[in-house]
Amino acid sequence: MVRSFTHQALPESELLDVLDLARRAPSAGNSQGVGFVLLHGADEVARYWNITMPVERRSGFRWQGLLKAPALVLITVSPDEYVRRYGEQDKASTGLGQAAESWPVPYWWVDAGAVAQNLLLLAVDRGWGACLFGPFDHEPALAKTFALPDDRRIAATIALGIPRPEADEPGRSVARPRRPINEITVRPPNID
């Protein structure tokens, strides 16, 4: 995760190409319920930060360079798209087309994670920096400000830009070791 960016703009055509590729992640039933809000340029990005981090709070913010990202992408999901898709004839037998509450695992969040990972990898591949973070309690205000339809939820925000490595400060969790593979992998018992 890159938390310090230059002010250098990213071409909108390249941003749209990256979003087009990122959306090609797996999608439960090909529901395609993941979408984007692209905030590109100082004014649009400033609107985001004015909601999530008012000016009076910014001076104490640890990652000042994050505020310089020239683009932010809000990854959105529509649970209704999944319910609608699973109500179609070829999926109706699953029972998932009744309501969002019918889903034991809400796959719109899984699909949003796959799209987010694609976007992060595509950014790195282009030499950009990227940082994923959540909207947390700012989601309703962001949805209202950016006129999201009522059926949309914001899964994550990804800052994109040209990294400024000399000023980047790692997050507090970076020193936490990865759990060994044998702790996170379960093998079924042998059945003879």
N, C-alpha and C. Protein backbone atom coordinates (compact mmCIF):
# COMPACT_ATOMS: atom_id res chain seq x y z
N MET A 1 0.83 -1.17 0.00
CA MET A 1 0.00 0.00 0.00
C MET A 1 0.88 1.25 0.00
N VAL A 2 0.64 2.11 -0.95
CA VAL A 2 1.37 3.37 -1.06
C VAL A 2 0.54 4.45 -0.38
N ARG A 3 1.16 5.22 0.50
CA ARG A 3 0.46 6.26 1.24
C ARG A 3 1.02 7.65 0.98
N SER A 4 1.84 7.77 -0.05
CA SER A 4 2.38 9.08 -0.41
C SER A 4 2.47 9.17 -1.93
N PHE A 5 1.83 10.21 -2.47
CA PHE A 5 1.74 10.38 -3.91
C PHE A 5 2.26 11.75 -4.31
N THR A 6 2.67 11.85 -5.56
CA THR A 6 2.96 13.16 -6.13
C THR A 6 1.62 13.76 -6.58
N HIS A 7 1.65 15.02 -6.97
CA HIS A 7 0.44 15.66 -7.50
C HIS A 7 0.23 15.35 -8.99
N GLN A 8 1.16 14.60 -9.59
CA GLN A 8 1.08 14.33 -11.03
C GLN A 8 -0.23 13.63 -11.37
N ALA A 9 -0.94 14.18 -12.33
CA ALA A 9 -2.22 13.62 -12.75
C ALA A 9 -2.03 12.30 -13.49
N LEU A 10 -3.04 11.46 -13.41
CA LEU A 10 -3.09 10.24 -14.20
C LEU A 10 -4.06 10.49 -15.35
N PRO A 11 -3.71 10.09 -16.56
CA PRO A 11 -4.62 10.31 -17.68
C PRO A 11 -5.94 9.58 -17.47
N GLU A 12 -7.03 10.29 -17.69
CA GLU A 12 -8.36 9.68 -17.48
C GLU A 12 -8.56 8.46 -18.36
N SER A 13 -8.04 8.50 -19.58
CA SER A 13 -8.21 7.34 -20.47
C SER A 13 -7.52 6.10 -19.88
N GLU A 14 -6.37 6.29 -19.26
CA GLU A 14 -5.69 5.16 -18.62
C GLU A 14 -6.45 4.67 -17.40
N LEU A 15 -6.99 5.61 -16.63
CA LEU A 15 -7.81 5.21 -15.47
C LEU A 15 -9.00 4.37 -15.92
N LEU A 16 -9.67 4.80 -16.97
CA LEU A 16 -10.83 4.06 -17.47
C LEU A 16 -10.42 2.69 -18.02
N ASP A 17 -9.26 2.61 -18.68
CA ASP A 17 -8.76 1.30 -19.14
C ASP A 17 -8.52 0.36 -17.97
N VAL A 18 -7.92 0.88 -16.91
CA VAL A 18 -7.63 0.07 -15.73
C VAL A 18 -8.93 -0.39 -15.07
N LEU A 19 -9.90 0.49 -14.97
CA LEU A 19 -11.20 0.10 -14.38
C LEU A 19 -11.88 -0.96 -15.24
N ASP A 20 -11.78 -0.81 -16.56
CA ASP A 20 -12.38 -1.80 -17.44
C ASP A 20 -11.77 -3.18 -17.23
N LEU A 21 -10.46 -3.22 -17.05
CA LEU A 21 -9.79 -4.50 -16.79
C LEU A 21 -10.11 -5.01 -15.39
N ALA A 22 -10.12 -4.13 -14.41
CA ALA A 22 -10.36 -4.55 -13.03
C ALA A 22 -11.72 -5.19 -12.86
N ARG A 23 -12.72 -4.70 -13.57
CA ARG A 23 -14.08 -5.22 -13.41
C ARG A 23 -14.24 -6.63 -13.95
N ARG A 24 -13.26 -7.12 -14.66
CA ARG A 24 -13.34 -8.45 -15.28
C ARG A 24 -12.98 -9.57 -14.30
N ALA A 25 -13.17 -9.31 -13.04
CA ALA A 25 -12.94 -10.30 -11.98
C ALA A 25 -14.10 -11.30 -11.96
N PRO A 26 -13.95 -12.40 -11.25
CA PRO A 26 -15.07 -13.32 -11.10
C PRO A 26 -16.30 -12.59 -10.54
N SER A 27 -17.46 -13.02 -11.00
CA SER A 27 -18.72 -12.42 -10.56
C SER A 27 -19.74 -13.54 -10.37
N ALA A 28 -20.26 -13.68 -9.18
CA ALA A 28 -21.21 -14.75 -8.87
C ALA A 28 -22.36 -14.72 -9.87
N GLY A 29 -22.54 -15.80 -10.59
CA GLY A 29 -23.61 -15.89 -11.57
C GLY A 29 -23.49 -14.87 -12.68
N ASN A 30 -22.32 -14.29 -12.84
CA ASN A 30 -22.10 -13.19 -13.79
C ASN A 30 -23.09 -12.06 -13.51
N SER A 31 -23.34 -11.82 -12.23
CA SER A 31 -24.28 -10.77 -11.81
C SER A 31 -23.78 -9.38 -12.16
N GLN A 32 -22.47 -9.19 -12.15
CA GLN A 32 -21.84 -7.92 -12.49
C GLN A 32 -22.40 -6.76 -11.66
N GLY A 33 -22.49 -6.98 -10.36
CA GLY A 33 -23.04 -5.97 -9.47
C GLY A 33 -22.01 -5.04 -8.85
N VAL A 34 -20.77 -5.12 -9.30
CA VAL A 34 -19.72 -4.24 -8.79
C VAL A 34 -19.59 -3.05 -9.74
N GLY A 35 -19.46 -1.86 -9.18
CA GLY A 35 -19.31 -0.66 -10.00
C GLY A 35 -18.28 0.28 -9.40
N PHE A 36 -18.10 1.42 -10.04
CA PHE A 36 -17.08 2.38 -9.62
C PHE A 36 -17.65 3.79 -9.57
N VAL A 37 -17.10 4.58 -8.68
CA VAL A 37 -17.22 6.03 -8.72
C VAL A 37 -15.78 6.51 -8.88
N LEU A 38 -15.49 7.14 -10.02
CA LEU A 38 -14.14 7.64 -10.29
C LEU A 38 -14.09 9.12 -9.94
N LEU A 39 -13.24 9.44 -8.97
CA LEU A 39 -12.99 10.83 -8.59
C LEU A 39 -11.61 11.17 -9.12
N HIS A 40 -11.58 12.06 -10.10
CA HIS A 40 -10.34 12.33 -10.82
C HIS A 40 -10.14 13.83 -10.86
N GLY A 41 -9.01 14.26 -10.36
CA GLY A 41 -8.71 15.69 -10.35
C GLY A 41 -8.92 16.27 -8.96
N ALA A 42 -8.26 17.39 -8.74
CA ALA A 42 -8.20 17.99 -7.40
C ALA A 42 -9.58 18.29 -6.81
N ASP A 43 -10.48 18.84 -7.60
CA ASP A 43 -11.79 19.22 -7.05
C ASP A 43 -12.61 18.02 -6.62
N GLU A 44 -12.65 16.99 -7.46
CA GLU A 44 -13.43 15.79 -7.11
C GLU A 44 -12.82 15.07 -5.91
N VAL A 45 -11.50 14.95 -5.89
CA VAL A 45 -10.82 14.28 -4.78
C VAL A 45 -11.03 15.08 -3.49
N ALA A 46 -10.96 16.41 -3.58
CA ALA A 46 -11.16 17.26 -2.40
C ALA A 46 -12.55 17.07 -1.81
N ARG A 47 -13.55 16.86 -2.65
CA ARG A 47 -14.90 16.61 -2.14
C ARG A 47 -14.92 15.37 -1.26
N TYR A 48 -14.20 14.34 -1.67
CA TYR A 48 -14.11 13.11 -0.86
C TYR A 48 -13.48 13.41 0.50
N TRP A 49 -12.32 14.06 0.47
CA TRP A 49 -11.61 14.32 1.73
C TRP A 49 -12.37 15.29 2.62
N ASN A 50 -13.11 16.22 2.04
CA ASN A 50 -13.90 17.14 2.87
C ASN A 50 -14.97 16.41 3.67
N ILE A 51 -15.44 15.30 3.15
CA ILE A 51 -16.42 14.49 3.88
C ILE A 51 -15.75 13.59 4.90
N THR A 52 -14.70 12.90 4.47
CA THR A 52 -14.10 11.88 5.33
C THR A 52 -13.05 12.41 6.29
N MET A 53 -12.48 13.57 5.97
CA MET A 53 -11.47 14.15 6.84
C MET A 53 -11.50 15.68 6.71
N PRO A 54 -12.40 16.30 7.47
CA PRO A 54 -12.51 17.76 7.39
C PRO A 54 -11.16 18.43 7.64
N VAL A 55 -11.01 19.61 7.07
CA VAL A 55 -9.74 20.35 7.09
C VAL A 55 -9.15 20.44 8.50
N GLU A 56 -9.98 20.68 9.49
CA GLU A 56 -9.46 20.85 10.86
C GLU A 56 -8.82 19.58 11.42
N ARG A 57 -9.09 18.41 10.83
CA ARG A 57 -8.50 17.16 11.29
C ARG A 57 -7.26 16.76 10.49
N ARG A 58 -7.03 17.39 9.38
CA ARG A 58 -5.97 16.95 8.47
C ARG A 58 -4.56 17.15 8.99
N SER A 59 -4.32 18.19 9.74
CA SER A 59 -2.94 18.46 10.18
C SER A 59 -2.39 17.34 11.05
N GLY A 60 -3.24 16.62 11.75
CA GLY A 60 -2.80 15.52 12.59
C GLY A 60 -2.82 14.17 11.89
N PHE A 61 -3.15 14.16 10.61
CA PHE A 61 -3.22 12.91 9.86
C PHE A 61 -1.82 12.41 9.55
N ARG A 62 -1.58 11.15 9.85
CA ARG A 62 -0.25 10.56 9.73
C ARG A 62 0.26 10.51 8.29
N TRP A 63 -0.62 10.30 7.33
CA TRP A 63 -0.19 10.10 5.95
C TRP A 63 -0.63 11.27 5.08
N GLN A 64 0.04 12.39 5.23
CA GLN A 64 -0.29 13.58 4.46
C GLN A 64 -0.19 13.34 2.95
N GLY A 65 0.75 12.50 2.54
CA GLY A 65 0.94 12.21 1.12
C GLY A 65 -0.24 11.49 0.48
N LEU A 66 -1.04 10.80 1.28
CA LEU A 66 -2.23 10.12 0.77
C LEU A 66 -3.24 11.14 0.26
N LEU A 67 -3.29 12.29 0.91
CA LEU A 67 -4.24 13.33 0.52
C LEU A 67 -3.91 13.93 -0.84
N LYS A 68 -2.71 13.65 -1.36
CA LYS A 68 -2.29 14.20 -2.66
C LYS A 68 -2.63 13.28 -3.84
N ALA A 69 -3.17 12.10 -3.56
CA ALA A 69 -3.51 11.19 -4.66
C ALA A 69 -4.40 11.89 -5.67
N PRO A 70 -4.05 11.83 -6.96
CA PRO A 70 -4.84 12.55 -7.95
C PRO A 70 -6.14 11.85 -8.36
N ALA A 71 -6.30 10.59 -7.91
CA ALA A 71 -7.53 9.87 -8.25
C ALA A 71 -7.93 8.97 -7.09
N LEU A 72 -9.21 8.89 -6.87
CA LEU A 72 -9.79 7.96 -5.91
C LEU A 72 -10.87 7.17 -6.64
N VAL A 73 -10.92 5.88 -6.36
CA VAL A 73 -11.96 5.03 -6.94
C VAL A 73 -12.74 4.42 -5.78
N LEU A 74 -14.04 4.69 -5.78
CA LEU A 74 -14.92 4.05 -4.81
C LEU A 74 -15.46 2.79 -5.49
N ILE A 75 -15.23 1.66 -4.88
CA ILE A 75 -15.76 0.40 -5.40
C ILE A 75 -17.11 0.19 -4.75
N THR A 76 -18.13 0.05 -5.59
CA THR A 76 -19.49 -0.08 -5.08
C THR A 76 -20.06 -1.45 -5.44
N VAL A 77 -21.05 -1.85 -4.68
CA VAL A 77 -21.75 -3.11 -4.95
C VAL A 77 -23.25 -2.87 -4.87
N SER A 78 -23.98 -3.68 -5.61
CA SER A 78 -25.44 -3.66 -5.56
C SER A 78 -25.93 -5.05 -5.19
N PRO A 79 -26.27 -5.27 -3.92
CA PRO A 79 -26.84 -6.57 -3.55
C PRO A 79 -28.08 -6.90 -4.38
N ASP A 80 -28.85 -5.88 -4.75
CA ASP A 80 -30.06 -6.10 -5.55
C ASP A 80 -29.76 -6.75 -6.89
N GLU A 81 -28.61 -6.41 -7.48
CA GLU A 81 -28.23 -7.03 -8.76
C GLU A 81 -28.06 -8.54 -8.60
N TYR A 82 -27.50 -8.96 -7.48
CA TYR A 82 -27.29 -10.38 -7.22
C TYR A 82 -28.62 -11.09 -6.97
N VAL A 83 -29.47 -10.47 -6.20
CA VAL A 83 -30.79 -11.05 -5.93
C VAL A 83 -31.57 -11.16 -7.23
N ARG A 84 -31.54 -10.10 -8.03
CA ARG A 84 -32.25 -10.09 -9.32
C ARG A 84 -31.72 -11.21 -10.23
N ARG A 85 -30.39 -11.30 -10.32
CA ARG A 85 -29.79 -12.32 -11.18
C ARG A 85 -30.17 -13.72 -10.73
N TYR A 86 -30.14 -13.97 -9.42
CA TYR A 86 -30.44 -15.30 -8.91
C TYR A 86 -31.93 -15.58 -8.85
N GLY A 87 -32.73 -14.61 -9.24
CA GLY A 87 -34.16 -14.83 -9.42
C GLY A 87 -34.48 -15.25 -10.85
N GLU A 88 -33.49 -15.16 -11.75
CA GLU A 88 -33.70 -15.58 -13.14
C GLU A 88 -33.80 -17.09 -13.21
N GLN A 89 -34.42 -17.56 -14.29
CA GLN A 89 -34.76 -18.97 -14.44
C GLN A 89 -33.60 -19.92 -14.19
N ASP A 90 -32.42 -19.63 -14.73
CA ASP A 90 -31.30 -20.56 -14.60
C ASP A 90 -30.69 -20.60 -13.20
N LYS A 91 -31.06 -19.64 -12.34
CA LYS A 91 -30.51 -19.59 -10.98
C LYS A 91 -31.58 -19.71 -9.90
N ALA A 92 -32.85 -19.69 -10.27
CA ALA A 92 -33.95 -19.62 -9.30
C ALA A 92 -33.93 -20.78 -8.31
N SER A 93 -33.48 -21.95 -8.73
CA SER A 93 -33.50 -23.11 -7.84
C SER A 93 -32.59 -22.96 -6.63
N THR A 94 -31.68 -21.98 -6.67
CA THR A 94 -30.77 -21.77 -5.53
C THR A 94 -31.49 -21.15 -4.33
N GLY A 95 -32.62 -20.48 -4.58
CA GLY A 95 -33.33 -19.78 -3.51
C GLY A 95 -32.70 -18.44 -3.15
N LEU A 96 -31.65 -18.05 -3.84
CA LEU A 96 -30.95 -16.80 -3.52
C LEU A 96 -31.59 -15.59 -4.18
N GLY A 97 -32.60 -15.82 -4.99
CA GLY A 97 -33.27 -14.72 -5.67
C GLY A 97 -34.42 -14.13 -4.87
N GLN A 98 -34.58 -14.55 -3.63
CA GLN A 98 -35.68 -14.05 -2.80
C GLN A 98 -35.34 -12.70 -2.18
N ALA A 99 -34.17 -12.62 -1.57
CA ALA A 99 -33.76 -11.40 -0.87
C ALA A 99 -32.28 -11.50 -0.54
N ALA A 100 -31.65 -10.37 -0.26
CA ALA A 100 -30.23 -10.37 0.10
C ALA A 100 -29.98 -11.22 1.34
N GLU A 101 -30.95 -11.26 2.23
CA GLU A 101 -30.80 -12.04 3.46
C GLU A 101 -30.78 -13.54 3.19
N SER A 102 -31.15 -13.97 1.99
CA SER A 102 -31.14 -15.39 1.62
C SER A 102 -29.72 -15.91 1.40
N TRP A 103 -28.79 -15.01 1.21
CA TRP A 103 -27.43 -15.40 0.87
C TRP A 103 -26.64 -15.73 2.14
N PRO A 104 -26.20 -16.98 2.34
CA PRO A 104 -25.39 -17.29 3.52
C PRO A 104 -24.04 -16.58 3.48
N VAL A 105 -23.51 -16.40 2.29
CA VAL A 105 -22.31 -15.59 2.07
C VAL A 105 -22.70 -14.52 1.06
N PRO A 106 -22.68 -13.24 1.44
CA PRO A 106 -23.05 -12.18 0.51
C PRO A 106 -21.96 -11.97 -0.55
N TYR A 107 -22.11 -12.65 -1.67
CA TYR A 107 -21.06 -12.68 -2.67
C TYR A 107 -20.77 -11.34 -3.31
N TRP A 108 -21.59 -10.33 -3.12
CA TRP A 108 -21.26 -9.00 -3.65
C TRP A 108 -20.00 -8.47 -2.99
N TRP A 109 -19.78 -8.82 -1.71
CA TRP A 109 -18.55 -8.38 -1.04
C TRP A 109 -17.36 -9.17 -1.55
N VAL A 110 -17.54 -10.45 -1.81
CA VAL A 110 -16.47 -11.28 -2.36
C VAL A 110 -16.06 -10.75 -3.74
N ASP A 111 -17.05 -10.49 -4.56
CA ASP A 111 -16.75 -9.99 -5.91
C ASP A 111 -16.07 -8.62 -5.85
N ALA A 112 -16.51 -7.77 -4.93
CA ALA A 112 -15.87 -6.45 -4.78
C ALA A 112 -14.40 -6.61 -4.38
N GLY A 113 -14.11 -7.59 -3.53
CA GLY A 113 -12.72 -7.86 -3.14
C GLY A 113 -11.88 -8.30 -4.32
N ALA A 114 -12.47 -9.11 -5.20
CA ALA A 114 -11.73 -9.56 -6.39
C ALA A 114 -11.46 -8.39 -7.32
N VAL A 115 -12.44 -7.51 -7.50
CA VAL A 115 -12.26 -6.34 -8.35
C VAL A 115 -11.19 -5.42 -7.74
N ALA A 116 -11.26 -5.24 -6.42
CA ALA A 116 -10.27 -4.39 -5.74
C ALA A 116 -8.86 -4.95 -5.93
N GLN A 117 -8.70 -6.26 -5.78
CA GLN A 117 -7.38 -6.87 -5.96
C GLN A 117 -6.90 -6.66 -7.39
N ASN A 118 -7.80 -6.86 -8.36
CA ASN A 118 -7.41 -6.60 -9.75
C ASN A 118 -6.92 -5.17 -9.92
N LEU A 119 -7.67 -4.23 -9.36
CA LEU A 119 -7.32 -2.81 -9.50
C LEU A 119 -5.96 -2.52 -8.87
N LEU A 120 -5.70 -3.08 -7.70
CA LEU A 120 -4.41 -2.88 -7.04
C LEU A 120 -3.27 -3.44 -7.89
N LEU A 121 -3.45 -4.64 -8.42
CA LEU A 121 -2.40 -5.26 -9.24
C LEU A 121 -2.19 -4.51 -10.55
N LEU A 122 -3.27 -4.07 -11.16
CA LEU A 122 -3.15 -3.30 -12.40
C LEU A 122 -2.43 -1.98 -12.17
N ALA A 123 -2.69 -1.35 -11.05
CA ALA A 123 -2.01 -0.09 -10.73
C ALA A 123 -0.50 -0.33 -10.60
N VAL A 124 -0.13 -1.36 -9.87
CA VAL A 124 1.30 -1.67 -9.70
C VAL A 124 1.93 -1.99 -11.04
N ASP A 125 1.22 -2.73 -11.88
CA ASP A 125 1.73 -3.09 -13.20
C ASP A 125 2.02 -1.84 -14.05
N ARG A 126 1.28 -0.77 -13.84
CA ARG A 126 1.49 0.47 -14.60
C ARG A 126 2.50 1.41 -13.94
N GLY A 127 3.05 0.98 -12.81
CA GLY A 127 4.01 1.83 -12.11
C GLY A 127 3.35 2.85 -11.21
N TRP A 128 2.05 2.70 -10.96
CA TRP A 128 1.34 3.59 -10.07
C TRP A 128 1.43 3.07 -8.65
N GLY A 129 1.08 3.90 -7.73
CA GLY A 129 0.90 3.47 -6.36
C GLY A 129 -0.59 3.36 -6.09
N ALA A 130 -0.95 2.57 -5.10
CA ALA A 130 -2.36 2.39 -4.76
C ALA A 130 -2.47 2.10 -3.27
N CYS A 131 -3.57 2.54 -2.69
CA CYS A 131 -3.84 2.27 -1.28
C CYS A 131 -5.34 2.05 -1.10
N LEU A 132 -5.69 0.93 -0.52
CA LEU A 132 -7.08 0.57 -0.26
C LEU A 132 -7.44 0.94 1.17
N PHE A 133 -8.59 1.57 1.35
CA PHE A 133 -9.10 1.87 2.69
C PHE A 133 -10.61 1.91 2.63
N GLY A 134 -11.24 1.82 3.79
CA GLY A 134 -12.69 1.76 3.86
C GLY A 134 -13.34 3.11 4.08
N PRO A 135 -14.62 3.20 3.72
CA PRO A 135 -15.37 4.44 3.97
C PRO A 135 -15.86 4.55 5.40
N PHE A 136 -15.96 3.42 6.07
CA PHE A 136 -16.42 3.32 7.45
C PHE A 136 -17.69 4.13 7.68
N ASP A 137 -17.73 4.95 8.69
CA ASP A 137 -18.99 5.64 9.02
C ASP A 137 -19.30 6.79 8.07
N HIS A 138 -18.47 7.02 7.07
CA HIS A 138 -18.71 8.09 6.10
C HIS A 138 -19.51 7.61 4.89
N GLU A 139 -19.82 6.34 4.85
CA GLU A 139 -20.51 5.79 3.67
C GLU A 139 -21.80 6.53 3.33
N PRO A 140 -22.71 6.79 4.27
CA PRO A 140 -23.95 7.49 3.89
C PRO A 140 -23.69 8.88 3.30
N ALA A 141 -22.77 9.63 3.88
CA ALA A 141 -22.48 10.97 3.36
C ALA A 141 -21.83 10.90 1.99
N LEU A 142 -20.95 9.94 1.77
CA LEU A 142 -20.34 9.78 0.46
C LEU A 142 -21.38 9.38 -0.59
N ALA A 143 -22.25 8.45 -0.22
CA ALA A 143 -23.30 8.02 -1.14
C ALA A 143 -24.19 9.19 -1.54
N LYS A 144 -24.52 10.02 -0.59
CA LYS A 144 -25.36 11.18 -0.88
C LYS A 144 -24.62 12.20 -1.75
N THR A 145 -23.40 12.52 -1.38
CA THR A 145 -22.61 13.51 -2.12
C THR A 145 -22.38 13.10 -3.57
N PHE A 146 -22.08 11.83 -3.78
CA PHE A 146 -21.77 11.36 -5.12
C PHE A 146 -22.97 10.72 -5.81
N ALA A 147 -24.16 10.96 -5.26
CA ALA A 147 -25.44 10.57 -5.88
C ALA A 147 -25.51 9.09 -6.26
N LEU A 148 -25.07 8.24 -5.34
CA LEU A 148 -25.18 6.80 -5.61
C LEU A 148 -26.64 6.38 -5.52
N PRO A 149 -27.07 5.47 -6.39
CA PRO A 149 -28.42 4.94 -6.26
C PRO A 149 -28.60 4.25 -4.91
N ASP A 150 -29.82 4.20 -4.44
CA ASP A 150 -30.10 3.64 -3.12
C ASP A 150 -29.66 2.18 -2.96
N ASP A 151 -29.58 1.44 -4.08
CA ASP A 151 -29.21 0.03 -3.98
C ASP A 151 -27.70 -0.19 -3.95
N ARG A 152 -26.90 0.87 -3.94
CA ARG A 152 -25.44 0.75 -3.98
C ARG A 152 -24.85 0.92 -2.60
N ARG A 153 -23.85 0.10 -2.29
CA ARG A 153 -23.04 0.22 -1.08
C ARG A 153 -21.60 0.46 -1.50
N ILE A 154 -20.84 1.15 -0.67
CA ILE A 154 -19.43 1.39 -0.96
C ILE A 154 -18.61 0.35 -0.20
N ALA A 155 -17.90 -0.47 -0.96
CA ALA A 155 -17.09 -1.53 -0.35
C ALA A 155 -15.72 -1.03 0.07
N ALA A 156 -15.14 -0.13 -0.72
CA ALA A 156 -13.79 0.34 -0.44
C ALA A 156 -13.48 1.57 -1.28
N THR A 157 -12.44 2.27 -0.88
CA THR A 157 -11.87 3.36 -1.67
C THR A 157 -10.44 2.97 -1.99
N ILE A 158 -10.01 3.23 -3.21
CA ILE A 158 -8.62 2.99 -3.60
C ILE A 158 -8.06 4.30 -4.13
N ALA A 159 -7.00 4.77 -3.48
CA ALA A 159 -6.27 5.95 -3.95
C ALA A 159 -5.29 5.49 -5.01
N LEU A 160 -5.17 6.26 -6.09
CA LEU A 160 -4.26 5.93 -7.18
C LEU A 160 -3.42 7.15 -7.53
N GLY A 161 -2.17 6.92 -7.88
CA GLY A 161 -1.31 8.01 -8.30
C GLY A 161 0.12 7.55 -8.49
N ILE A 162 0.96 8.51 -8.78
CA ILE A 162 2.39 8.23 -8.92
C ILE A 162 2.98 8.22 -7.52
N PRO A 163 3.62 7.12 -7.12
CA PRO A 163 4.14 7.03 -5.75
C PRO A 163 5.30 8.00 -5.51
N ARG A 164 5.38 8.42 -4.29
CA ARG A 164 6.50 9.26 -3.84
C ARG A 164 7.21 8.48 -2.74
N PRO A 165 8.02 7.49 -3.12
CA PRO A 165 8.58 6.54 -2.16
C PRO A 165 9.42 7.17 -1.06
N GLU A 166 10.13 8.26 -1.37
CA GLU A 166 10.99 8.86 -0.34
C GLU A 166 10.19 9.43 0.81
N ALA A 167 8.90 9.69 0.61
CA ALA A 167 8.07 10.26 1.68
C ALA A 167 7.08 9.25 2.23
N ASP A 168 7.06 8.04 1.67
CA ASP A 168 6.06 7.06 2.09
C ASP A 168 6.43 6.45 3.43
N GLU A 169 5.51 6.47 4.32
CA GLU A 169 5.69 5.88 5.64
C GLU A 169 4.81 4.64 5.72
N PRO A 170 5.38 3.49 6.04
CA PRO A 170 4.57 2.27 6.08
C PRO A 170 3.53 2.32 7.20
N GLY A 171 2.51 1.54 7.02
CA GLY A 171 1.46 1.44 8.03
C GLY A 171 1.96 0.73 9.28
N ARG A 172 1.19 0.86 10.33
CA ARG A 172 1.58 0.26 11.61
C ARG A 172 1.61 -1.26 11.57
N SER A 173 0.89 -1.86 10.65
CA SER A 173 0.78 -3.32 10.61
C SER A 173 1.85 -3.99 9.75
N VAL A 174 2.70 -3.21 9.09
CA VAL A 174 3.64 -3.76 8.14
C VAL A 174 4.63 -4.75 8.78
N ALA A 175 4.95 -4.56 10.03
CA ALA A 175 5.92 -5.44 10.68
C ALA A 175 5.28 -6.74 11.18
N ARG A 176 3.99 -6.81 11.12
CA ARG A 176 3.32 -8.02 11.59
C ARG A 176 3.64 -9.17 10.63
N PRO A 177 4.18 -10.28 11.15
CA PRO A 177 4.59 -11.37 10.26
C PRO A 177 3.37 -12.10 9.66
N ARG A 178 3.61 -12.66 8.50
CA ARG A 178 2.59 -13.50 7.87
C ARG A 178 2.49 -14.81 8.64
N ARG A 179 1.27 -15.27 8.81
CA ARG A 179 1.08 -16.57 9.45
C ARG A 179 1.62 -17.66 8.53
N PRO A 180 2.26 -18.68 9.10
CA PRO A 180 2.79 -19.78 8.27
C PRO A 180 1.65 -20.47 7.51
N ILE A 181 1.98 -20.95 6.34
CA ILE A 181 0.98 -21.59 5.48
C ILE A 181 0.32 -22.78 6.18
N ASN A 182 1.07 -23.50 7.00
CA ASN A 182 0.47 -24.67 7.66
C ASN A 182 -0.54 -24.28 8.75
N GLU A 183 -0.54 -23.02 9.18
CA GLU A 183 -1.54 -22.55 10.14
C GLU A 183 -2.85 -22.15 9.46
N ILE A 184 -2.77 -21.82 8.20
CA ILE A 184 -3.97 -21.33 7.53
C ILE A 184 -4.52 -22.31 6.50
N THR A 185 -3.86 -23.45 6.34
CA THR A 185 -4.31 -24.45 5.38
C THR A 185 -4.77 -25.69 6.14
N VAL A 186 -5.97 -26.12 5.84
CA VAL A 186 -6.54 -27.32 6.47
C VAL A 186 -6.60 -28.41 5.42
N ARG A 187 -6.15 -29.57 5.80
CA ARG A 187 -6.23 -30.75 4.93
C ARG A 187 -7.24 -31.68 5.54
N PRO A 188 -8.15 -32.24 4.73
CA PRO A 188 -9.14 -33.16 5.29
C PRO A 188 -8.47 -34.43 5.78
N PRO A 189 -9.07 -35.06 6.76
CA PRO A 189 -8.49 -36.33 7.25
C PRO A 189 -8.61 -37.40 6.19
N ASN A 190 -7.67 -38.34 6.23
CA ASN A 190 -7.73 -39.49 5.29
C ASN A 190 -8.93 -40.35 5.62
N ILE A 191 -9.64 -40.71 4.60
CA ILE A 191 -10.79 -41.62 4.78
C ILE A 191 -10.47 -42.90 4.04
N ASP A 192 -10.33 -43.95 4.80
CA ASP A 192 -10.01 -45.25 4.19
C ASP A 192 -11.19 -46.16 4.22
